[in-house]
Amino acid sequence: MKDRLRRYFGQAVEVRAHGFAYRGDLVGADEEFIYLLGIMGWTVLPLEAVTSVKRQGGGEEERDFKLLPGAEPPTAAEREAKRRYGPRDVAKVHEAGPEGADEKNSDREDEGGTDRQP
């Protein structure tokens, strides 16, 4: 990844690291860190945490991914599948259980909950 960063020096980029997207001008990179200058000041990111880089305003097809040794770059279909994951998918995790599940749990608490003292 470090060798591919040269083409972005001095440009506005979007860097993904630690699950966040960081935006700013790519000022430099060394063996350990990437240096961005954004509107709020400097951002220094460990190079090993960076998962992808693209020119700010560029499309997803421009994104350079950090590849694992021997791994193939993701296909367009794989990239699209990752982008489809959205708030509705998160909501499915938090849906209520089957009917009456809350009443069963409240009955158990009344029978011998942990809050009771002998």
Protein backbone atom coordinates (compact mmCIF):
# COMPACT_ATOMS: atom_id res chain seq x y z
CA MET A 1 0.00 0.00 0.00
CA LYS A 2 2.83 2.40 0.87
CA ASP A 3 4.23 2.33 -2.67
CA ARG A 4 0.79 3.15 -4.16
CA LEU A 5 0.36 6.23 -1.97
CA ARG A 6 2.81 8.25 -4.08
CA ARG A 7 0.19 9.01 -6.69
CA TYR A 8 -1.97 10.71 -4.03
CA PHE A 9 0.66 13.05 -2.50
CA GLY A 10 -0.58 16.64 -2.38
CA GLN A 11 -4.14 15.63 -3.28
CA ALA A 12 -7.36 15.58 -1.26
CA VAL A 13 -7.99 11.95 -0.31
CA GLU A 14 -10.33 9.77 1.71
CA VAL A 15 -8.52 7.20 3.85
CA ARG A 16 -10.35 4.40 5.66
CA ALA A 17 -8.78 3.20 8.89
CA HIS A 18 -10.13 1.85 12.18
CA GLY A 19 -13.60 1.66 10.59
CA PHE A 20 -13.73 5.42 9.92
CA ALA A 21 -13.24 7.56 6.82
CA TYR A 22 -10.66 10.33 7.25
CA ARG A 23 -10.50 13.17 4.72
CA GLY A 24 -7.70 15.62 4.05
CA ASP A 25 -4.70 16.41 1.89
CA LEU A 26 -2.15 13.60 1.86
CA VAL A 27 1.01 15.38 2.95
CA GLY A 28 3.27 12.42 3.55
CA ALA A 29 3.81 8.82 4.51
CA ASP A 30 6.70 6.92 6.03
CA GLU A 31 7.32 3.36 7.20
CA GLU A 32 4.77 3.63 10.02
CA PHE A 33 2.30 6.48 9.46
CA ILE A 34 0.21 8.42 6.94
CA TYR A 35 -0.05 12.18 7.44
CA LEU A 36 -3.22 14.04 6.44
CA LEU A 37 -3.88 17.75 6.75
CA GLY A 38 -7.61 18.37 7.13
CA ILE A 39 -9.82 21.30 8.03
CA MET A 40 -9.46 20.54 11.75
CA GLY A 41 -5.69 20.07 11.64
CA TRP A 42 -3.33 17.13 11.33
CA THR A 43 -4.41 13.51 11.31
CA VAL A 44 -1.72 10.86 11.73
CA LEU A 45 -2.82 7.30 11.03
CA PRO A 46 -0.82 4.11 11.50
CA LEU A 47 -0.13 2.61 8.07
CA GLU A 48 -1.06 -0.88 9.29
CA ALA A 49 -4.58 0.33 10.19
CA VAL A 50 -5.28 1.82 6.74
CA THR A 51 -7.58 -0.41 4.71
CA SER A 52 -8.19 1.75 1.62
CA VAL A 53 -7.40 5.08 -0.04
CA LYS A 54 -9.10 7.01 -2.83
CA ARG A 55 -9.04 10.50 -4.27
CA GLN A 56 -11.69 12.63 -2.55
CA GLY A 57 -14.69 12.95 -4.82
CA GLY A 58 -13.66 9.90 -6.81
CA GLY A 59 -15.90 6.90 -7.25
CA GLU A 60 -15.61 3.61 -5.42
CA GLU A 61 -13.94 2.06 -8.46
CA GLU A 62 -10.91 4.30 -7.77
CA ARG A 63 -10.41 3.00 -4.22
CA ASP A 64 -7.06 1.27 -3.59
CA PHE A 65 -7.40 -1.56 -1.09
CA LYS A 66 -4.75 -2.94 1.21
CA LEU A 67 -4.49 -6.53 0.13
CA LEU A 68 -3.47 -9.47 2.25
CA PRO A 69 -0.47 -11.40 0.92
CA GLY A 70 -1.65 -13.56 -1.98
CA ALA A 71 -5.14 -12.03 -1.99
CA GLU A 72 -6.88 -10.92 -5.17
CA PRO A 73 -8.41 -7.41 -5.38
CA PRO A 74 -12.18 -7.35 -4.79
CA THR A 75 -14.40 -7.54 -7.85
CA ALA A 76 -16.95 -4.87 -8.70
CA ALA A 77 -19.73 -7.21 -7.51
CA GLU A 78 -18.02 -7.75 -4.14
CA ARG A 79 -17.58 -4.00 -3.66
CA GLU A 80 -21.25 -3.40 -4.48
CA ALA A 81 -22.36 -6.12 -2.03
CA LYS A 82 -20.41 -4.40 0.78
CA ARG A 83 -21.99 -1.03 -0.03
CA ARG A 84 -25.51 -2.49 0.10
CA TYR A 85 -25.27 -3.14 3.84
CA GLY A 86 -27.28 -0.35 5.42
CA PRO A 87 -29.42 0.77 8.37
CA ARG A 88 -32.18 -1.70 7.54
CA ASP A 89 -29.75 -4.58 8.02
CA VAL A 90 -28.79 -3.23 11.44
CA ALA A 91 -32.48 -2.87 12.37
CA LYS A 92 -33.01 -6.60 11.70
CA VAL A 93 -30.60 -7.41 14.51
CA HIS A 94 -32.66 -5.35 16.94
CA GLU A 95 -36.10 -6.65 16.02
CA ALA A 96 -38.32 -7.99 18.79
CA GLY A 97 -38.41 -11.71 19.39
CA PRO A 98 -41.45 -14.00 19.13
CA GLU A 99 -44.79 -12.94 20.62
CA GLY A 100 -44.94 -13.28 24.38
CA ALA A 101 -41.19 -13.49 24.92
CA ASP A 102 -41.21 -10.40 27.16
CA GLU A 103 -44.04 -11.79 29.31
CA LYS A 104 -42.15 -15.07 29.85
CA ASN A 105 -39.06 -13.19 31.01
CA SER A 106 -41.07 -11.00 33.41
CA ASP A 107 -42.65 -14.13 34.95
CA ARG A 108 -39.21 -15.59 35.65
CA GLU A 109 -38.14 -12.44 37.45
CA ASP A 110 -41.22 -12.67 39.72
CA GLU A 111 -40.58 -16.32 40.57
CA GLY A 112 -37.09 -15.89 41.92
CA GLY A 113 -35.18 -13.00 40.48
CA THR A 114 -31.73 -12.09 41.62
CA ASP A 115 -32.95 -8.90 43.31
CA ARG A 116 -34.74 -10.82 46.09
CA GLN A 117 -33.08 -11.33 49.43
CA PRO A 118 -33.87 -14.34 51.65
